[in-house]
Amino acid sequence: KVEEKVEEKQEEKKPVVYEGAAAGKYQWDDSRKGGDADKDLQGEAISKYSWSDGKKVVSIYIELEGLDDVADDALAAESKETEVSLTIANLGGKKRRFALSGLSEEIDGVKLVRKKGKNTVVLKLQKKEEKSWFQLVSGSRGGDDDEGGMGGMG
């Protein structure tokens, strides 16, 4: 009788299998040992930042632990008319990337300024036209949406 009880308990411990859309969401096949497909290509995304509007430039502040220890040549900023990106080649052994597209106004370029001692870099976006930016990225919430033109989602 003892043996029968052991067999019953073994049968109860089946792995829980969820059926439907969520199945397999976080299951990688054995050829990939952990990780995220996007991280390999462009580095871990940086999503925490702040920004301020000036007369001729818009400043984007990015603060990350260990940023002061990163070499200058490991930082690369790039821009297009309505896009800006910062790539950190090696921050604590990881590649990190910040990118914004669809800026609310056009820019002429970007300048990278380091704030040593504060683990901060500032991306200074050169405005194409001297006018106030009420939002950093067009279509984001905030500011007045009464400008007409193409309506956003919301």
N, C-alpha and C. Protein backbone atom coordinates (compact mmCIF):
# COMPACT_ATOMS: atom_id res chain seq x y z
N LYS A 1 0.83 -1.21 0.00
CA LYS A 1 0.00 0.00 0.00
C LYS A 1 0.86 1.26 0.00
N VAL A 2 2.00 1.21 0.61
CA VAL A 2 2.89 2.38 0.64
C VAL A 2 3.34 2.72 -0.78
N GLU A 3 3.67 1.70 -1.55
CA GLU A 3 4.14 1.93 -2.92
C GLU A 3 3.07 2.60 -3.77
N GLU A 4 1.81 2.23 -3.59
CA GLU A 4 0.74 2.84 -4.37
C GLU A 4 0.65 4.34 -4.13
N LYS A 5 0.82 4.76 -2.88
CA LYS A 5 0.74 6.19 -2.56
C LYS A 5 1.87 6.97 -3.23
N VAL A 6 3.05 6.40 -3.28
CA VAL A 6 4.19 7.07 -3.92
C VAL A 6 3.89 7.30 -5.40
N GLU A 7 3.34 6.29 -6.06
CA GLU A 7 3.02 6.41 -7.47
C GLU A 7 1.99 7.52 -7.71
N GLU A 8 0.99 7.61 -6.85
CA GLU A 8 -0.02 8.65 -6.99
C GLU A 8 0.61 10.04 -6.91
N LYS A 9 1.51 10.24 -5.95
CA LYS A 9 2.14 11.55 -5.79
C LYS A 9 2.97 11.93 -7.01
N GLN A 10 3.64 10.97 -7.60
CA GLN A 10 4.45 11.26 -8.79
C GLN A 10 3.57 11.73 -9.94
N GLU A 11 2.42 11.13 -10.08
CA GLU A 11 1.53 11.52 -11.16
C GLU A 11 1.02 12.94 -10.97
N GLU A 12 0.81 13.36 -9.74
CA GLU A 12 0.28 14.70 -9.47
C GLU A 12 1.27 15.80 -9.84
N LYS A 13 2.56 15.53 -9.86
CA LYS A 13 3.56 16.56 -10.09
C LYS A 13 3.89 16.75 -11.57
N LYS A 14 2.88 16.88 -12.39
CA LYS A 14 3.11 17.14 -13.80
C LYS A 14 3.35 18.65 -13.97
N PRO A 15 4.20 19.03 -14.92
CA PRO A 15 4.41 20.47 -15.13
C PRO A 15 3.11 21.13 -15.61
N VAL A 16 2.88 22.32 -15.18
CA VAL A 16 1.68 23.05 -15.58
C VAL A 16 1.89 23.54 -17.01
N VAL A 17 0.96 23.22 -17.89
CA VAL A 17 1.08 23.64 -19.28
C VAL A 17 -0.08 24.59 -19.57
N TYR A 18 0.28 25.82 -19.97
CA TYR A 18 -0.75 26.80 -20.31
C TYR A 18 -1.00 26.72 -21.81
N GLU A 19 -2.26 26.63 -22.17
CA GLU A 19 -2.58 26.58 -23.59
C GLU A 19 -3.06 27.96 -24.02
N GLY A 20 -2.85 28.28 -25.27
CA GLY A 20 -3.31 29.56 -25.77
C GLY A 20 -2.14 30.44 -26.17
N ALA A 21 -2.41 31.73 -26.31
CA ALA A 21 -1.43 32.67 -26.87
C ALA A 21 -0.19 32.83 -26.00
N ALA A 22 -0.32 32.63 -24.70
CA ALA A 22 0.82 32.88 -23.81
C ALA A 22 1.82 31.73 -23.80
N ALA A 23 1.44 30.60 -24.33
CA ALA A 23 2.34 29.44 -24.27
C ALA A 23 3.62 29.72 -25.04
N GLY A 24 4.74 29.45 -24.40
CA GLY A 24 6.03 29.58 -25.07
C GLY A 24 6.59 30.97 -25.13
N LYS A 25 5.94 31.94 -24.51
CA LYS A 25 6.40 33.32 -24.62
C LYS A 25 7.83 33.49 -24.13
N TYR A 26 8.19 32.85 -23.05
CA TYR A 26 9.53 33.03 -22.50
C TYR A 26 10.37 31.77 -22.62
N GLN A 27 10.01 30.90 -23.53
CA GLN A 27 10.77 29.67 -23.69
C GLN A 27 11.67 29.80 -24.90
N TRP A 28 12.98 29.75 -24.67
CA TRP A 28 13.94 29.80 -25.77
C TRP A 28 14.31 28.37 -26.11
N ASP A 29 14.62 28.10 -27.37
CA ASP A 29 15.08 26.76 -27.69
C ASP A 29 16.50 26.59 -27.15
N ASP A 30 16.95 25.35 -27.06
CA ASP A 30 18.20 25.05 -26.38
C ASP A 30 19.43 25.67 -27.04
N SER A 31 19.35 26.02 -28.32
CA SER A 31 20.52 26.58 -28.99
C SER A 31 20.81 28.00 -28.47
N ARG A 32 19.83 28.65 -27.89
CA ARG A 32 20.04 29.98 -27.31
C ARG A 32 20.02 29.85 -25.80
N LYS A 33 21.07 30.26 -25.15
CA LYS A 33 21.10 30.16 -23.69
C LYS A 33 20.75 31.53 -23.10
N GLY A 34 19.48 31.76 -22.87
CA GLY A 34 19.05 33.01 -22.25
C GLY A 34 19.23 34.20 -23.17
N GLY A 35 18.78 35.33 -22.74
CA GLY A 35 19.01 36.55 -23.51
C GLY A 35 17.79 36.97 -24.28
N ASP A 36 17.98 38.03 -25.03
CA ASP A 36 16.91 38.67 -25.77
C ASP A 36 17.44 38.91 -27.17
N ALA A 37 16.67 38.57 -28.16
CA ALA A 37 17.14 38.69 -29.54
C ALA A 37 17.57 40.12 -29.87
N ASP A 38 16.86 41.12 -29.38
CA ASP A 38 17.21 42.51 -29.68
C ASP A 38 18.50 42.95 -29.02
N LYS A 39 18.77 42.44 -27.84
CA LYS A 39 19.96 42.88 -27.10
C LYS A 39 21.24 42.57 -27.86
N ASP A 40 21.27 41.45 -28.57
CA ASP A 40 22.47 41.08 -29.31
C ASP A 40 22.78 42.10 -30.40
N LEU A 41 21.76 42.63 -31.02
CA LEU A 41 21.96 43.54 -32.13
C LEU A 41 22.25 44.97 -31.68
N GLN A 42 21.42 45.49 -30.82
CA GLN A 42 21.54 46.91 -30.52
C GLN A 42 21.81 47.23 -29.07
N GLY A 43 21.95 46.25 -28.23
CA GLY A 43 22.21 46.52 -26.83
C GLY A 43 20.92 46.71 -26.06
N GLU A 44 21.04 46.67 -24.76
CA GLU A 44 19.88 46.81 -23.90
C GLU A 44 19.36 48.24 -23.98
N ALA A 45 18.07 48.40 -24.19
CA ALA A 45 17.49 49.72 -24.39
C ALA A 45 17.55 50.56 -23.11
N ILE A 46 17.80 51.83 -23.30
CA ILE A 46 17.77 52.80 -22.20
C ILE A 46 16.45 53.54 -22.33
N SER A 47 15.61 53.43 -21.31
CA SER A 47 14.30 54.05 -21.42
C SER A 47 14.09 55.16 -20.39
N LYS A 48 15.01 55.31 -19.47
CA LYS A 48 14.86 56.32 -18.42
C LYS A 48 15.68 57.56 -18.78
N TYR A 49 15.01 58.67 -18.99
CA TYR A 49 15.69 59.91 -19.34
C TYR A 49 14.81 61.09 -18.98
N SER A 50 15.39 62.28 -19.00
CA SER A 50 14.60 63.50 -18.85
C SER A 50 15.05 64.47 -19.92
N TRP A 51 14.29 65.53 -20.13
CA TRP A 51 14.66 66.47 -21.17
C TRP A 51 14.23 67.88 -20.81
N SER A 52 14.87 68.85 -21.43
CA SER A 52 14.47 70.25 -21.23
C SER A 52 14.62 71.00 -22.54
N ASP A 53 13.81 72.04 -22.69
CA ASP A 53 13.77 72.83 -23.90
C ASP A 53 14.52 74.13 -23.68
N GLY A 54 15.47 74.43 -24.54
CA GLY A 54 16.18 75.70 -24.50
C GLY A 54 15.88 76.49 -25.75
N LYS A 55 16.49 77.68 -25.88
CA LYS A 55 16.21 78.52 -27.05
C LYS A 55 16.70 77.89 -28.35
N LYS A 56 17.94 77.41 -28.37
CA LYS A 56 18.52 76.85 -29.58
C LYS A 56 18.75 75.34 -29.51
N VAL A 57 18.69 74.78 -28.32
CA VAL A 57 18.92 73.34 -28.16
C VAL A 57 17.87 72.71 -27.26
N VAL A 58 17.66 71.43 -27.48
CA VAL A 58 16.85 70.62 -26.57
C VAL A 58 17.83 69.65 -25.93
N SER A 59 17.81 69.56 -24.60
CA SER A 59 18.74 68.70 -23.88
C SER A 59 18.03 67.45 -23.40
N ILE A 60 18.65 66.30 -23.65
CA ILE A 60 18.15 65.03 -23.14
C ILE A 60 19.18 64.52 -22.14
N TYR A 61 18.73 64.28 -20.91
CA TYR A 61 19.62 63.85 -19.83
C TYR A 61 19.45 62.35 -19.61
N ILE A 62 20.56 61.63 -19.67
CA ILE A 62 20.54 60.18 -19.45
C ILE A 62 21.49 59.88 -18.30
N GLU A 63 20.93 59.32 -17.23
CA GLU A 63 21.72 59.00 -16.05
C GLU A 63 21.74 57.48 -15.88
N LEU A 64 22.95 56.92 -15.81
CA LEU A 64 23.10 55.47 -15.64
C LEU A 64 24.22 55.19 -14.67
N GLU A 65 24.00 54.23 -13.79
CA GLU A 65 25.03 53.82 -12.84
C GLU A 65 26.27 53.35 -13.60
N GLY A 66 27.43 53.86 -13.22
CA GLY A 66 28.68 53.43 -13.85
C GLY A 66 29.05 54.20 -15.11
N LEU A 67 28.25 55.20 -15.49
CA LEU A 67 28.51 55.94 -16.72
C LEU A 67 29.81 56.73 -16.66
N ASP A 68 30.19 57.21 -15.48
CA ASP A 68 31.44 57.96 -15.35
C ASP A 68 32.66 57.12 -15.70
N ASP A 69 32.55 55.80 -15.55
CA ASP A 69 33.69 54.90 -15.80
C ASP A 69 33.83 54.52 -17.27
N VAL A 70 32.85 54.89 -18.10
CA VAL A 70 32.88 54.52 -19.52
C VAL A 70 33.84 55.45 -20.27
N ALA A 71 34.67 54.88 -21.13
CA ALA A 71 35.61 55.67 -21.93
C ALA A 71 34.85 56.54 -22.92
N ASP A 72 35.43 57.73 -23.24
CA ASP A 72 34.79 58.64 -24.20
C ASP A 72 34.53 57.97 -25.54
N ASP A 73 35.49 57.16 -25.99
CA ASP A 73 35.32 56.55 -27.31
C ASP A 73 34.32 55.39 -27.31
N ALA A 74 33.79 55.05 -26.15
CA ALA A 74 32.75 54.01 -26.07
C ALA A 74 31.35 54.62 -26.18
N LEU A 75 31.28 55.96 -26.28
CA LEU A 75 30.00 56.65 -26.42
C LEU A 75 29.88 57.18 -27.84
N ALA A 76 28.75 56.90 -28.48
CA ALA A 76 28.54 57.38 -29.84
C ALA A 76 27.12 57.92 -29.96
N ALA A 77 27.01 59.20 -30.35
CA ALA A 77 25.70 59.82 -30.57
C ALA A 77 25.51 60.04 -32.06
N GLU A 78 24.31 59.76 -32.54
CA GLU A 78 23.99 59.96 -33.95
C GLU A 78 22.64 60.65 -34.05
N SER A 79 22.43 61.36 -35.16
CA SER A 79 21.13 62.00 -35.35
C SER A 79 20.78 62.12 -36.83
N LYS A 80 19.48 62.19 -37.07
CA LYS A 80 18.92 62.52 -38.38
C LYS A 80 17.95 63.67 -38.10
N GLU A 81 17.18 64.08 -39.08
CA GLU A 81 16.31 65.24 -38.89
C GLU A 81 15.36 65.11 -37.71
N THR A 82 14.77 63.94 -37.54
CA THR A 82 13.82 63.76 -36.43
C THR A 82 14.15 62.53 -35.59
N GLU A 83 15.44 62.15 -35.58
CA GLU A 83 15.87 60.99 -34.79
C GLU A 83 17.16 61.30 -34.06
N VAL A 84 17.33 60.67 -32.89
CA VAL A 84 18.58 60.79 -32.15
C VAL A 84 18.85 59.46 -31.46
N SER A 85 20.13 59.10 -31.36
CA SER A 85 20.46 57.87 -30.65
C SER A 85 21.81 58.01 -29.96
N LEU A 86 21.96 57.24 -28.89
CA LEU A 86 23.21 57.16 -28.16
C LEU A 86 23.50 55.68 -27.96
N THR A 87 24.71 55.27 -28.32
CA THR A 87 25.12 53.89 -28.09
C THR A 87 26.30 53.90 -27.13
N ILE A 88 26.20 53.10 -26.07
CA ILE A 88 27.29 52.94 -25.12
C ILE A 88 27.86 51.55 -25.36
N ALA A 89 29.09 51.51 -25.87
CA ALA A 89 29.67 50.23 -26.29
C ALA A 89 29.86 49.27 -25.12
N ASN A 90 30.22 49.79 -23.95
CA ASN A 90 30.51 48.90 -22.84
C ASN A 90 30.21 49.58 -21.51
N LEU A 91 29.07 49.24 -20.93
CA LEU A 91 28.71 49.75 -19.60
C LEU A 91 28.54 48.52 -18.70
N GLY A 92 29.53 48.28 -17.85
CA GLY A 92 29.49 47.10 -17.00
C GLY A 92 29.44 45.81 -17.80
N GLY A 93 30.12 45.80 -18.95
CA GLY A 93 30.17 44.59 -19.77
C GLY A 93 29.00 44.44 -20.72
N LYS A 94 28.07 45.41 -20.74
CA LYS A 94 26.91 45.31 -21.62
C LYS A 94 26.87 46.50 -22.57
N LYS A 95 26.33 46.24 -23.75
CA LYS A 95 26.09 47.32 -24.70
C LYS A 95 24.72 47.91 -24.37
N ARG A 96 24.63 49.22 -24.34
CA ARG A 96 23.35 49.89 -24.03
C ARG A 96 23.04 50.88 -25.14
N ARG A 97 21.76 51.09 -25.39
CA ARG A 97 21.37 52.00 -26.47
C ARG A 97 20.15 52.81 -26.09
N PHE A 98 20.22 54.10 -26.42
CA PHE A 98 19.08 55.01 -26.26
C PHE A 98 18.73 55.51 -27.65
N ALA A 99 17.47 55.48 -28.01
CA ALA A 99 17.08 55.96 -29.33
C ALA A 99 15.68 56.55 -29.28
N LEU A 100 15.52 57.67 -29.96
CA LEU A 100 14.21 58.29 -30.13
C LEU A 100 14.02 58.59 -31.60
N SER A 101 12.86 58.25 -32.13
CA SER A 101 12.54 58.66 -33.49
C SER A 101 11.21 59.39 -33.44
N GLY A 102 10.93 60.15 -34.46
CA GLY A 102 9.70 60.93 -34.48
C GLY A 102 9.74 62.13 -33.55
N LEU A 103 10.92 62.79 -33.49
CA LEU A 103 11.02 64.01 -32.68
C LEU A 103 9.98 65.01 -33.16
N SER A 104 9.44 65.81 -32.26
CA SER A 104 8.34 66.69 -32.63
C SER A 104 8.77 67.82 -33.57
N GLU A 105 10.06 68.17 -33.59
CA GLU A 105 10.58 69.18 -34.51
C GLU A 105 11.88 68.65 -35.12
N GLU A 106 12.35 69.30 -36.18
CA GLU A 106 13.58 68.85 -36.83
C GLU A 106 14.81 69.40 -36.12
N ILE A 107 15.89 68.60 -36.19
CA ILE A 107 17.16 69.02 -35.59
C ILE A 107 18.26 69.02 -36.65
N ASP A 108 19.33 69.76 -36.38
CA ASP A 108 20.47 69.85 -37.29
C ASP A 108 21.61 68.93 -36.88
N GLY A 109 21.61 68.47 -35.66
CA GLY A 109 22.70 67.62 -35.20
C GLY A 109 22.59 67.40 -33.70
N VAL A 110 23.54 66.65 -33.17
CA VAL A 110 23.54 66.36 -31.74
C VAL A 110 24.96 66.48 -31.22
N LYS A 111 25.08 67.02 -30.01
CA LYS A 111 26.36 67.13 -29.34
C LYS A 111 26.27 66.38 -28.02
N LEU A 112 27.30 65.59 -27.72
CA LEU A 112 27.32 64.79 -26.50
C LEU A 112 28.12 65.53 -25.44
N VAL A 113 27.52 65.76 -24.29
CA VAL A 113 28.21 66.43 -23.18
C VAL A 113 28.16 65.50 -21.97
N ARG A 114 29.33 65.27 -21.38
CA ARG A 114 29.40 64.40 -20.20
C ARG A 114 29.35 65.24 -18.93
N LYS A 115 28.63 64.73 -17.93
CA LYS A 115 28.58 65.36 -16.60
C LYS A 115 29.31 64.41 -15.66
N LYS A 116 30.62 64.56 -15.61
CA LYS A 116 31.44 63.68 -14.77
C LYS A 116 31.06 63.86 -13.29
N GLY A 117 31.08 62.77 -12.56
CA GLY A 117 30.72 62.81 -11.15
C GLY A 117 29.24 62.63 -10.91
N LYS A 118 28.44 62.68 -11.99
CA LYS A 118 26.99 62.53 -11.85
C LYS A 118 26.46 61.32 -12.63
N ASN A 119 27.37 60.53 -13.24
CA ASN A 119 26.95 59.38 -14.05
C ASN A 119 25.91 59.79 -15.09
N THR A 120 26.12 60.95 -15.71
CA THR A 120 25.12 61.50 -16.63
C THR A 120 25.77 61.95 -17.93
N VAL A 121 25.07 61.72 -19.03
CA VAL A 121 25.43 62.34 -20.30
C VAL A 121 24.24 63.17 -20.76
N VAL A 122 24.54 64.26 -21.47
CA VAL A 122 23.49 65.13 -21.99
C VAL A 122 23.63 65.14 -23.51
N LEU A 123 22.53 64.83 -24.18
CA LEU A 123 22.49 64.95 -25.64
C LEU A 123 21.90 66.31 -25.96
N LYS A 124 22.70 67.18 -26.57
CA LYS A 124 22.23 68.52 -26.93
C LYS A 124 21.80 68.49 -28.39
N LEU A 125 20.50 68.54 -28.61
CA LEU A 125 19.96 68.50 -29.96
C LEU A 125 19.91 69.93 -30.51
N GLN A 126 20.60 70.18 -31.62
CA GLN A 126 20.61 71.51 -32.23
C GLN A 126 19.29 71.69 -32.99
N LYS A 127 18.49 72.68 -32.58
CA LYS A 127 17.21 72.92 -33.24
C LYS A 127 17.42 73.48 -34.64
N LYS A 128 16.61 73.04 -35.58
CA LYS A 128 16.66 73.59 -36.93
C LYS A 128 16.05 74.99 -36.92
N GLU A 129 14.97 75.15 -36.14
CA GLU A 129 14.32 76.45 -36.01
C GLU A 129 14.23 76.80 -34.53
N GLU A 130 14.43 78.10 -34.22
CA GLU A 130 14.32 78.54 -32.83
C GLU A 130 12.85 78.68 -32.47
N LYS A 131 12.28 77.62 -31.96
CA LYS A 131 10.91 77.69 -31.46
C LYS A 131 10.76 76.70 -30.32
N SER A 132 9.79 76.93 -29.49
CA SER A 132 9.60 76.09 -28.31
C SER A 132 9.11 74.70 -28.70
N TRP A 133 9.64 73.72 -28.01
CA TRP A 133 9.16 72.35 -28.15
C TRP A 133 8.27 72.06 -26.95
N PHE A 134 7.01 71.74 -27.21
CA PHE A 134 6.09 71.43 -26.11
C PHE A 134 6.13 69.94 -25.78
N GLN A 135 6.65 69.16 -26.70
CA GLN A 135 6.83 67.74 -26.46
C GLN A 135 8.06 67.29 -27.21
N LEU A 136 8.71 66.27 -26.68
CA LEU A 136 9.96 65.81 -27.28
C LEU A 136 9.69 64.97 -28.54
N VAL A 137 8.71 64.09 -28.44
CA VAL A 137 8.37 63.21 -29.55
C VAL A 137 6.94 63.50 -29.97
N SER A 138 6.72 63.67 -31.26
CA SER A 138 5.37 63.97 -31.72
C SER A 138 4.45 62.79 -31.46
N GLY A 139 3.23 63.09 -31.08
CA GLY A 139 2.28 62.03 -30.81
C GLY A 139 2.29 61.56 -29.37
N SER A 140 3.27 62.00 -28.57
CA SER A 140 3.27 61.58 -27.17
C SER A 140 2.26 62.42 -26.41
N ARG A 141 1.77 61.90 -25.33
CA ARG A 141 0.77 62.62 -24.54
C ARG A 141 1.39 63.83 -23.85
N GLY A 142 0.59 64.82 -23.64
CA GLY A 142 1.10 66.03 -23.00
C GLY A 142 1.02 67.18 -23.98
N GLY A 143 0.95 68.41 -23.48
CA GLY A 143 0.82 69.56 -24.36
C GLY A 143 -0.60 69.62 -24.90
N ASP A 144 -0.86 70.61 -25.74
CA ASP A 144 -2.17 70.75 -26.35
C ASP A 144 -2.24 69.94 -27.63
N ASP A 145 -3.30 69.21 -27.79
CA ASP A 145 -3.48 68.43 -29.00
C ASP A 145 -4.42 69.13 -29.97
N ASP A 146 -4.61 70.43 -29.81
CA ASP A 146 -5.55 71.18 -30.63
C ASP A 146 -4.90 71.78 -31.87
N GLU A 147 -3.79 71.22 -32.31
CA GLU A 147 -3.06 71.80 -33.43
C GLU A 147 -3.64 71.40 -34.79
N GLY A 148 -4.60 70.50 -34.82
CA GLY A 148 -5.16 70.08 -36.08
C GLY A 148 -4.20 69.15 -36.81
N GLY A 149 -4.28 69.13 -38.13
CA GLY A 149 -3.39 68.27 -38.89
C GLY A 149 -3.76 66.82 -38.70
N MET A 150 -2.78 65.96 -38.77
CA MET A 150 -3.04 64.54 -38.62
C MET A 150 -3.30 64.22 -37.14
N GLY A 151 -4.39 63.57 -36.86
CA GLY A 151 -4.73 63.24 -35.49
C GLY A 151 -3.90 62.08 -34.99
N GLY A 152 -3.56 62.12 -33.73
CA GLY A 152 -2.80 61.01 -33.13
C GLY A 152 -3.76 59.92 -32.70
N MET A 153 -3.23 58.90 -32.10
CA MET A 153 -4.07 57.84 -31.56
C MET A 153 -4.47 58.23 -30.15
N GLY A 154 -5.71 58.27 -29.85
CA GLY A 154 -6.08 58.58 -28.48
C GLY A 154 -7.19 59.47 -28.46
